Protein backbone atom coordinates (compact mmCIF):
# COMPACT_ATOMS: atom_id res chain seq x y z
CA UNK A 1 2.17 1.97 -1.64
CA UNK A 2 3.19 -0.77 0.78
CA UNK A 3 6.86 0.26 0.99
CA UNK A 4 8.38 -0.98 4.22
CA UNK A 5 11.90 0.31 4.50
CA UNK A 6 13.75 2.62 6.82
CA UNK A 7 13.31 6.35 6.27
CA UNK A 8 16.61 6.84 4.42
CA UNK A 9 15.77 4.05 1.97
CA UNK A 10 12.33 5.56 1.37
CA UNK A 11 13.90 8.94 0.60
CA UNK A 12 16.11 7.27 -2.03
CA UNK A 13 13.29 5.13 -3.46
CA UNK A 14 12.21 6.33 -6.93
CA UNK A 15 8.60 5.22 -6.41
CA UNK A 16 8.34 7.21 -3.17
CA UNK A 17 9.91 10.28 -4.78
CA UNK A 18 7.56 10.03 -7.77
CA UNK A 19 4.53 9.63 -5.51
CA UNK A 20 5.41 12.74 -3.47
CA UNK A 21 6.22 14.70 -6.64
CA UNK A 22 2.84 13.73 -8.13
CA UNK A 23 1.00 14.67 -4.93
CA UNK A 24 2.72 18.07 -4.82
CA UNK A 25 1.94 18.73 -8.48
CA UNK A 26 -1.71 17.68 -7.96
CA UNK A 27 -1.94 20.23 -5.14
CA UNK A 28 -0.33 22.86 -7.37
CA UNK A 29 -2.89 22.18 -10.11
CA UNK A 30 -5.78 22.11 -7.63
CA UNK A 31 -4.82 25.59 -6.46
CA UNK A 32 -4.44 26.75 -10.09
CA UNK A 33 -0.83 27.82 -9.96
CA UNK A 34 0.89 28.55 -13.24
CA UNK A 35 2.65 25.96 -15.37
CA UNK A 36 6.13 27.24 -14.59
CA UNK A 37 5.41 26.59 -10.90
CA UNK A 38 5.05 22.84 -11.45
CA UNK A 39 7.82 20.72 -10.02
CA UNK A 40 9.92 18.65 -12.40
CA UNK A 41 12.07 16.76 -9.87
CA UNK A 42 12.40 16.44 -6.12
CA UNK A 43 15.04 15.44 -3.59
CA UNK A 44 13.96 14.00 -0.26
CA UNK A 45 16.43 14.64 2.55
CA UNK A 46 16.39 12.02 5.32
CA UNK A 47 18.45 14.14 7.75
CA UNK A 48 17.13 17.33 9.34
CA UNK A 49 19.11 20.51 8.75
CA UNK A 50 21.48 21.04 11.64
CA UNK A 51 24.20 23.29 12.99
CA UNK A 52 26.79 20.47 12.95
CA UNK A 53 26.79 20.42 9.13
CA UNK A 54 26.92 24.24 9.16
CA UNK A 55 23.64 24.54 7.24
CA UNK A 56 21.76 26.72 9.73
CA UNK A 57 22.61 29.39 12.27
CA UNK A 58 21.92 29.01 16.00
CA UNK A 59 18.70 30.98 15.36
CA UNK A 60 17.65 28.41 12.69
CA UNK A 61 18.21 30.67 9.69
CA UNK A 62 19.38 28.93 6.54
CA UNK A 63 22.92 29.54 5.31
CA UNK A 64 22.32 29.64 1.56
CA UNK A 65 25.96 29.47 0.36
CA UNK A 66 26.58 26.42 2.55
CA UNK A 67 23.36 24.82 1.29
CA UNK A 68 24.45 25.30 -2.30
CA UNK A 69 27.87 23.81 -1.58
CA UNK A 70 26.45 20.87 0.43
CA UNK A 71 23.68 19.99 -2.07
CA UNK A 72 25.52 20.81 -5.32
CA UNK A 73 25.57 17.19 -6.53
CA UNK A 74 21.88 16.73 -5.69
CA UNK A 75 20.95 19.95 -7.50
CA UNK A 76 22.89 18.92 -10.61
CA UNK A 77 21.13 15.53 -10.56
CA UNK A 78 17.73 17.20 -10.24
CA UNK A 79 18.43 19.37 -13.28
CA UNK A 80 19.39 16.25 -15.25
CA UNK A 81 16.17 14.52 -14.16
CA UNK A 82 14.09 17.57 -15.03
CA UNK A 83 15.65 17.84 -18.49
CA UNK A 84 15.05 14.12 -19.05
CA UNK A 85 11.38 14.59 -18.16
CA UNK A 86 11.02 17.35 -20.74
CA UNK A 87 12.50 15.36 -23.64
């Protein structure tokens, strides 16, 4: 789509997010998953999960409570976007 920005800007770009969301949903439909398995919204994270932000253990296991706390604002925004898509 001829977007030439740094990676963080691409992750925040609505066109890029929509394109990836559409591609994922096309793959879901191609593999005949059920309707409730379709994605309504997506967040692209430009930074890898790391120990410094206390998101993973030294053995690379995810710390779910820390993830929820760290991404709470993003999750709330995704729910708003998903509800807006349904209306």
